[in-house]
Amino acid sequence: MYIVLVYDVSQEENGARRWSRIFKICKKYLTHIQNSVFEGELSKGQLAQLQKELKEYIDKELDSVIIF
């Protein structure tokens, strides 16, 4: 399936470190388009793995990740 992923990471509470890790994870699975936007083809399994890896670094109170 074709995926577009956008994220916004707060700079509060180690935001730069979270941003760096989130960027690297997204780059592993998808093509970097612009700033915090990625796109690409993923299988359901790859999408599940991507979400699992991102979950470790996303602070639900401060950050957002949207997958279309």
PDB file of N, CA and C in Angstrom:
ATOM      1  N   MET A   1       0.837  -1.170   0.000  1.00  0.00           N
ATOM      2  CA  MET A   1       0.000   0.000   0.000  1.00  0.00           C
ATOM      3  C   MET A   1       0.887   1.241   0.000  1.00  0.00           C
ATOM      4  N   TYR A   2       0.366   2.334  -0.566  1.00  0.00           N
ATOM      5  CA  TYR A   2       1.111   3.581  -0.653  1.00  0.00           C
ATOM      6  C   TYR A   2       0.876   4.396   0.619  1.00  0.00           C
ATOM      7  N   ILE A   3       1.946   4.827   1.260  1.00  0.00           N
ATOM      8  CA  ILE A   3       1.895   5.509   2.552  1.00  0.00           C
ATOM      9  C   ILE A   3       2.466   6.913   2.431  1.00  0.00           C
ATOM     10  N   VAL A   4       1.793   7.871   3.053  1.00  0.00           N
ATOM     11  CA  VAL A   4       2.351   9.207   3.281  1.00  0.00           C
ATOM     12  C   VAL A   4       2.366   9.388   4.796  1.00  0.00           C
ATOM     13  N   LEU A   5       3.531   9.694   5.339  1.00  0.00           N
ATOM     14  CA  LEU A   5       3.698   9.862   6.780  1.00  0.00           C
ATOM     15  C   LEU A   5       4.191  11.280   7.053  1.00  0.00           C
ATOM     16  N   VAL A   6       3.533  11.957   7.974  1.00  0.00           N
ATOM     17  CA  VAL A   6       3.977  13.273   8.424  1.00  0.00           C
ATOM     18  C   VAL A   6       4.083  13.240   9.941  1.00  0.00           C
ATOM     19  N   TYR A   7       5.055  13.973  10.475  1.00  0.00           N
ATOM     20  CA  TYR A   7       5.198  14.010  11.923  1.00  0.00           C
ATOM     21  C   TYR A   7       5.567  15.399  12.389  1.00  0.00           C
ATOM     22  N   ASP A   8       5.270  15.659  13.648  1.00  0.00           N
ATOM     23  CA  ASP A   8       5.636  16.903  14.316  1.00  0.00           C
ATOM     24  C   ASP A   8       6.130  16.516  15.699  1.00  0.00           C
ATOM     25  N   VAL A   9       7.382  16.839  15.979  1.00  0.00           N
ATOM     26  CA  VAL A   9       8.000  16.480  17.258  1.00  0.00           C
ATOM     27  C   VAL A   9       8.303  17.760  18.021  1.00  0.00           C
ATOM     28  N   SER A  10       7.799  17.850  19.233  1.00  0.00           N
ATOM     29  CA  SER A  10       8.044  19.003  20.089  1.00  0.00           C
ATOM     30  C   SER A  10       9.520  19.063  20.470  1.00  0.00           C
ATOM     31  N   GLN A  11      10.040  20.258  20.611  1.00  0.00           N
ATOM     32  CA  GLN A  11      11.440  20.424  21.014  1.00  0.00           C
ATOM     33  C   GLN A  11      11.609  20.356  22.528  1.00  0.00           C
ATOM     34  N   GLU A  12      10.515  20.265  23.271  1.00  0.00           N
ATOM     35  CA  GLU A  12      10.577  20.130  24.724  1.00  0.00           C
ATOM     36  C   GLU A  12      10.991  18.715  25.103  1.00  0.00           C
ATOM     37  N   GLU A  13      11.577  18.568  26.272  1.00  0.00           N
ATOM     38  CA  GLU A  13      11.903  17.256  26.854  1.00  0.00           C
ATOM     39  C   GLU A  13      12.627  16.333  25.869  1.00  0.00           C
ATOM     40  N   ASN A  14      13.858  16.669  25.518  1.00  0.00           N
ATOM     41  CA  ASN A  14      14.686  15.865  24.609  1.00  0.00           C
ATOM     42  C   ASN A  14      14.088  15.721  23.215  1.00  0.00           C
ATOM     43  N   GLY A  15      13.398  16.747  22.747  1.00  0.00           N
ATOM     44  CA  GLY A  15      12.754  16.699  21.439  1.00  0.00           C
ATOM     45  C   GLY A  15      13.721  16.474  20.295  1.00  0.00           C
ATOM     46  N   ALA A  16      14.892  17.082  20.359  1.00  0.00           N
ATOM     47  CA  ALA A  16      15.873  16.920  19.284  1.00  0.00           C
ATOM     48  C   ALA A  16      16.324  15.462  19.169  1.00  0.00           C
ATOM     49  N   ARG A  17      16.500  14.818  20.305  1.00  0.00           N
ATOM     50  CA  ARG A  17      16.899  13.406  20.293  1.00  0.00           C
ATOM     51  C   ARG A  17      15.766  12.527  19.724  1.00  0.00           C
ATOM     52  N   ARG A  18      14.522  12.794  20.154  1.00  0.00           N
ATOM     53  CA  ARG A  18      13.378  12.029  19.631  1.00  0.00           C
ATOM     54  C   ARG A  18      13.239  12.260  18.133  1.00  0.00           C
ATOM     55  N   TRP A  19      13.379  13.524  17.704  1.00  0.00           N
ATOM     56  CA  TRP A  19      13.256  13.858  16.287  1.00  0.00           C
ATOM     57  C   TRP A  19      14.269  13.064  15.468  1.00  0.00           C
ATOM     58  N   SER A  20      15.496  13.015  15.925  1.00  0.00           N
ATOM     59  CA  SER A  20      16.551  12.304  15.210  1.00  0.00           C
ATOM     60  C   SER A  20      16.229  10.825  15.067  1.00  0.00           C
ATOM     61  N   ARG A  21      15.782  10.210  16.129  1.00  0.00           N
ATOM     62  CA  ARG A  21      15.467   8.765  16.078  1.00  0.00           C
ATOM     63  C   ARG A  21      14.252   8.496  15.193  1.00  0.00           C
ATOM     64  N   ILE A  22      13.233   9.343  15.297  1.00  0.00           N
ATOM     65  CA  ILE A  22      12.033   9.181  14.464  1.00  0.00           C
ATOM     66  C   ILE A  22      12.394   9.345  12.989  1.00  0.00           C
ATOM     67  N   PHE A  23      13.217  10.347  12.678  1.00  0.00           N
ATOM     68  CA  PHE A  23      13.658  10.575  11.297  1.00  0.00           C
ATOM     69  C   PHE A  23      14.371   9.336  10.754  1.00  0.00           C
ATOM     70  N   LYS A  24      15.289   8.766  11.516  1.00  0.00           N
ATOM     71  CA  LYS A  24      16.051   7.599  11.070  1.00  0.00           C
ATOM     72  C   LYS A  24      15.149   6.393  10.828  1.00  0.00           C
ATOM     73  N   ILE A  25      14.177   6.186  11.700  1.00  0.00           N
ATOM     74  CA  ILE A  25      13.246   5.067  11.530  1.00  0.00           C
ATOM     75  C   ILE A  25      12.431   5.251  10.260  1.00  0.00           C
ATOM     76  N   CYS A  26      11.894   6.441  10.056  1.00  0.00           N
ATOM     77  CA  CYS A  26      11.089   6.708   8.859  1.00  0.00           C
ATOM     78  C   CYS A  26      11.920   6.542   7.596  1.00  0.00           C
ATOM     79  N   LYS A  27      13.160   7.008   7.620  1.00  0.00           N
ATOM     80  CA  LYS A  27      14.051   6.928   6.454  1.00  0.00           C
ATOM     81  C   LYS A  27      14.365   5.472   6.103  1.00  0.00           C
ATOM     82  N   LYS A  28      14.350   4.609   7.099  1.00  0.00           N
ATOM     83  CA  LYS A  28      14.615   3.188   6.879  1.00  0.00           C
ATOM     84  C   LYS A  28      13.510   2.537   6.033  1.00  0.00           C
ATOM     85  N   TYR A  29      12.278   3.005   6.183  1.00  0.00           N
ATOM     86  CA  TYR A  29      11.136   2.384   5.515  1.00  0.00           C
ATOM     87  C   TYR A  29      10.603   3.178   4.323  1.00  0.00           C
ATOM     88  N   LEU A  30      10.777   4.498   4.344  1.00  0.00           N
ATOM     89  CA  LEU A  30      10.130   5.363   3.362  1.00  0.00           C
ATOM     90  C   LEU A  30      11.124   6.345   2.742  1.00  0.00           C
ATOM     91  N   THR A  31      10.688   7.044   1.699  1.00  0.00           N
ATOM     92  CA  THR A  31      11.506   8.047   1.024  1.00  0.00           C
ATOM     93  C   THR A  31      11.235   9.416   1.632  1.00  0.00           C
ATOM     94  N   HIS A  32      12.307  10.116   1.998  1.00  0.00           N
ATOM     95  CA  HIS A  32      12.189  11.450   2.588  1.00  0.00           C
ATOM     96  C   HIS A  32      11.830  12.439   1.480  1.00  0.00           C
ATOM     97  N   ILE A  33      10.737  13.167   1.659  1.00  0.00           N
ATOM     98  CA  ILE A  33      10.261  14.102   0.646  1.00  0.00           C
ATOM     99  C   ILE A  33      10.611  15.538   1.015  1.00  0.00           C
ATOM    100  N   GLN A  34      10.232  15.943   2.207  1.00  0.00           N
ATOM    101  CA  GLN A  34      10.439  17.329   2.626  1.00  0.00           C
ATOM    102  C   GLN A  34      10.292  17.411   4.134  1.00  0.00           C
ATOM    103  N   ASN A  35      11.219  18.070   4.804  1.00  0.00           N
ATOM    104  CA  ASN A  35      11.198  18.247   6.256  1.00  0.00           C
ATOM    105  C   ASN A  35      10.696  16.998   6.975  1.00  0.00           C
ATOM    106  N   SER A  36       9.488  17.001   7.459  1.00  0.00           N
ATOM    107  CA  SER A  36       8.975  15.856   8.219  1.00  0.00           C
ATOM    108  C   SER A  36       7.911  15.084   7.434  1.00  0.00           C
ATOM    109  N   VAL A  37       8.130  14.923   6.136  1.00  0.00           N
ATOM    110  CA  VAL A  37       7.189  14.217   5.263  1.00  0.00           C
ATOM    111  C   VAL A  37       7.924  13.080   4.553  1.00  0.00           C
ATOM    112  N   PHE A  38       7.319  11.894   4.600  1.00  0.00           N
ATOM    113  CA  PHE A  38       7.876  10.706   3.955  1.00  0.00           C
ATOM    114  C   PHE A  38       6.779  10.029   3.143  1.00  0.00           C
ATOM    115  N   GLU A  39       7.179   9.268   2.114  1.00  0.00           N
ATOM    116  CA  GLU A  39       6.215   8.509   1.323  1.00  0.00           C
ATOM    117  C   GLU A  39       6.858   7.236   0.816  1.00  0.00           C
ATOM    118  N   GLY A  40       6.007   6.275   0.433  1.00  0.00           N
ATOM    119  CA  GLY A  40       6.522   5.049  -0.151  1.00  0.00           C
ATOM    120  C   GLY A  40       5.536   3.904  -0.069  1.00  0.00           C
ATOM    121  N   GLU A  41       5.923   2.807  -0.707  1.00  0.00           N
ATOM    122  CA  GLU A  41       5.127   1.580  -0.722  1.00  0.00           C
ATOM    123  C   GLU A  41       5.564   0.686   0.433  1.00  0.00           C
ATOM    124  N   LEU A  42       4.609   0.232   1.233  1.00  0.00           N
ATOM    125  CA  LEU A  42       4.886  -0.688   2.330  1.00  0.00           C
ATOM    126  C   LEU A  42       3.855  -1.811   2.329  1.00  0.00           C
ATOM    127  N   SER A  43       4.287  -2.977   2.753  1.00  0.00           N
ATOM    128  CA  SER A  43       3.342  -4.069   2.978  1.00  0.00           C
ATOM    129  C   SER A  43       2.687  -3.829   4.344  1.00  0.00           C
ATOM    130  N   LYS A  44       1.653  -4.595   4.642  1.00  0.00           N
ATOM    131  CA  LYS A  44       1.006  -4.465   5.951  1.00  0.00           C
ATOM    132  C   LYS A  44       1.979  -4.794   7.077  1.00  0.00           C
ATOM    133  N   GLY A  45       2.808  -5.782   6.860  1.00  0.00           N
ATOM    134  CA  GLY A  45       3.795  -6.166   7.861  1.00  0.00           C
ATOM    135  C   GLY A  45       4.831  -5.073   8.107  1.00  0.00           C
ATOM    136  N   GLN A  46       5.298  -4.450   7.023  1.00  0.00           N
ATOM    137  CA  GLN A  46       6.263  -3.358   7.157  1.00  0.00           C
ATOM    138  C   GLN A  46       5.643  -2.167   7.874  1.00  0.00           C
ATOM    139  N   LEU A  47       4.383  -1.879   7.566  1.00  0.00           N
ATOM    140  CA  LEU A  47       3.691  -0.777   8.229  1.00  0.00           C
ATOM    141  C   LEU A  47       3.561  -1.047   9.721  1.00  0.00           C
ATOM    142  N   ALA A  48       3.204  -2.268  10.074  1.00  0.00           N
ATOM    143  CA  ALA A  48       3.081  -2.638  11.489  1.00  0.00           C
ATOM    144  C   ALA A  48       4.430  -2.505  12.200  1.00  0.00           C
ATOM    145  N   GLN A  49       5.501  -2.930  11.545  1.00  0.00           N
ATOM    146  CA  GLN A  49       6.844  -2.820  12.132  1.00  0.00           C
ATOM    147  C   GLN A  49       7.251  -1.358  12.295  1.00  0.00           C
ATOM    148  N   LEU A  50       6.970  -0.532  11.298  1.00  0.00           N
ATOM    149  CA  LEU A  50       7.259   0.900  11.367  1.00  0.00           C
ATOM    150  C   LEU A  50       6.535   1.531  12.551  1.00  0.00           C
ATOM    151  N   GLN A  51       5.249   1.244  12.690  1.00  0.00           N
ATOM    152  CA  GLN A  51       4.465   1.802  13.792  1.00  0.00           C
ATOM    153  C   GLN A  51       5.005   1.331  15.145  1.00  0.00           C
ATOM    154  N   LYS A  52       5.409   0.083  15.221  1.00  0.00           N
ATOM    155  CA  LYS A  52       5.958  -0.467  16.468  1.00  0.00           C
ATOM    156  C   LYS A  52       7.254   0.257  16.849  1.00  0.00           C
ATOM    157  N   GLU A  53       8.134   0.467  15.870  1.00  0.00           N
ATOM    158  CA  GLU A  53       9.395   1.151  16.141  1.00  0.00           C
ATOM    159  C   GLU A  53       9.165   2.617  16.535  1.00  0.00           C
ATOM    160  N   LEU A  54       8.236   3.279  15.862  1.00  0.00           N
ATOM    161  CA  LEU A  54       7.960   4.683  16.176  1.00  0.00           C
ATOM    162  C   LEU A  54       7.356   4.850  17.561  1.00  0.00           C
ATOM    163  N   LYS A  55       6.538   3.898  17.964  1.00  0.00           N
ATOM    164  CA  LYS A  55       5.831   3.978  19.242  1.00  0.00           C
ATOM    165  C   LYS A  55       6.795   4.142  20.419  1.00  0.00           C
ATOM    166  N   GLU A  56       7.994   3.574  20.298  1.00  0.00           N
ATOM    167  CA  GLU A  56       8.988   3.660  21.370  1.00  0.00           C
ATOM    168  C   GLU A  56       9.465   5.097  21.615  1.00  0.00           C
ATOM    169  N   TYR A  57       9.410   5.948  20.588  1.00  0.00           N
ATOM    170  CA  TYR A  57       9.997   7.285  20.683  1.00  0.00           C
ATOM    171  C   TYR A  57       8.982   8.426  20.689  1.00  0.00           C
ATOM    172  N   ILE A  58       7.741   8.151  20.338  1.00  0.00           N
ATOM    173  CA  ILE A  58       6.725   9.195  20.281  1.00  0.00           C
ATOM    174  C   ILE A  58       6.198   9.491  21.681  1.00  0.00           C
ATOM    175  N   ASP A  59       6.193  10.748  22.045  1.00  0.00           N
ATOM    176  CA  ASP A  59       5.574  11.196  23.299  1.00  0.00           C
ATOM    177  C   ASP A  59       4.169  11.663  22.924  1.00  0.00           C
ATOM    178  N   LYS A  60       3.158  10.902  23.293  1.00  0.00           N
ATOM    179  CA  LYS A  60       1.778  11.186  22.884  1.00  0.00           C
ATOM    180  C   LYS A  60       1.284  12.545  23.355  1.00  0.00           C
ATOM    181  N   GLU A  61       1.861  13.070  24.412  1.00  0.00           N
ATOM    182  CA  GLU A  61       1.452  14.372  24.940  1.00  0.00           C
ATOM    183  C   GLU A  61       2.035  15.531  24.127  1.00  0.00           C
ATOM    184  N   LEU A  62       3.188  15.317  23.491  1.00  0.00           N
ATOM    185  CA  LEU A  62       3.892  16.406  22.820  1.00  0.00           C
ATOM    186  C   LEU A  62       3.996  16.256  21.310  1.00  0.00           C
ATOM    187  N   ASP A  63       4.020  15.036  20.800  1.00  0.00           N
ATOM    188  CA  ASP A  63       4.309  14.775  19.396  1.00  0.00           C
ATOM    189  C   ASP A  63       3.092  14.226  18.654  1.00  0.00           C
ATOM    190  N   SER A  64       3.177  14.257  17.336  1.00  0.00           N
ATOM    191  CA  SER A  64       2.136  13.611  16.525  1.00  0.00           C
ATOM    192  C   SER A  64       2.756  12.976  15.306  1.00  0.00           C
ATOM    193  N   VAL A  65       2.208  11.843  14.910  1.00  0.00           N
ATOM    194  CA  VAL A  65       2.577  11.149  13.673  1.00  0.00           C
ATOM    195  C   VAL A  65       1.268  10.784  12.995  1.00  0.00           C
ATOM    196  N   ILE A  66       1.153  11.180  11.731  1.00  0.00           N
ATOM    197  CA  ILE A  66      -0.058  10.881  10.964  1.00  0.00           C
ATOM    198  C   ILE A  66       0.340  10.074   9.736  1.00  0.00           C
ATOM    199  N   ILE A  67      -0.352   8.966   9.518  1.00  0.00           N
ATOM    200  CA  ILE A  67      -0.092   8.104   8.375  1.00  0.00           C
ATOM    201  C   ILE A  67      -1.343   8.065   7.515  1.00  0.00           C
ATOM    202  N   PHE A  68      -1.165   8.398   6.239  1.00  0.00           N
ATOM    203  CA  PHE A  68      -2.272   8.357   5.272  1.00  0.00           C
ATOM    204  C   PHE A  68      -2.071   7.178   4.357  1.00  0.00           C
TER     205      PHE A  68
END
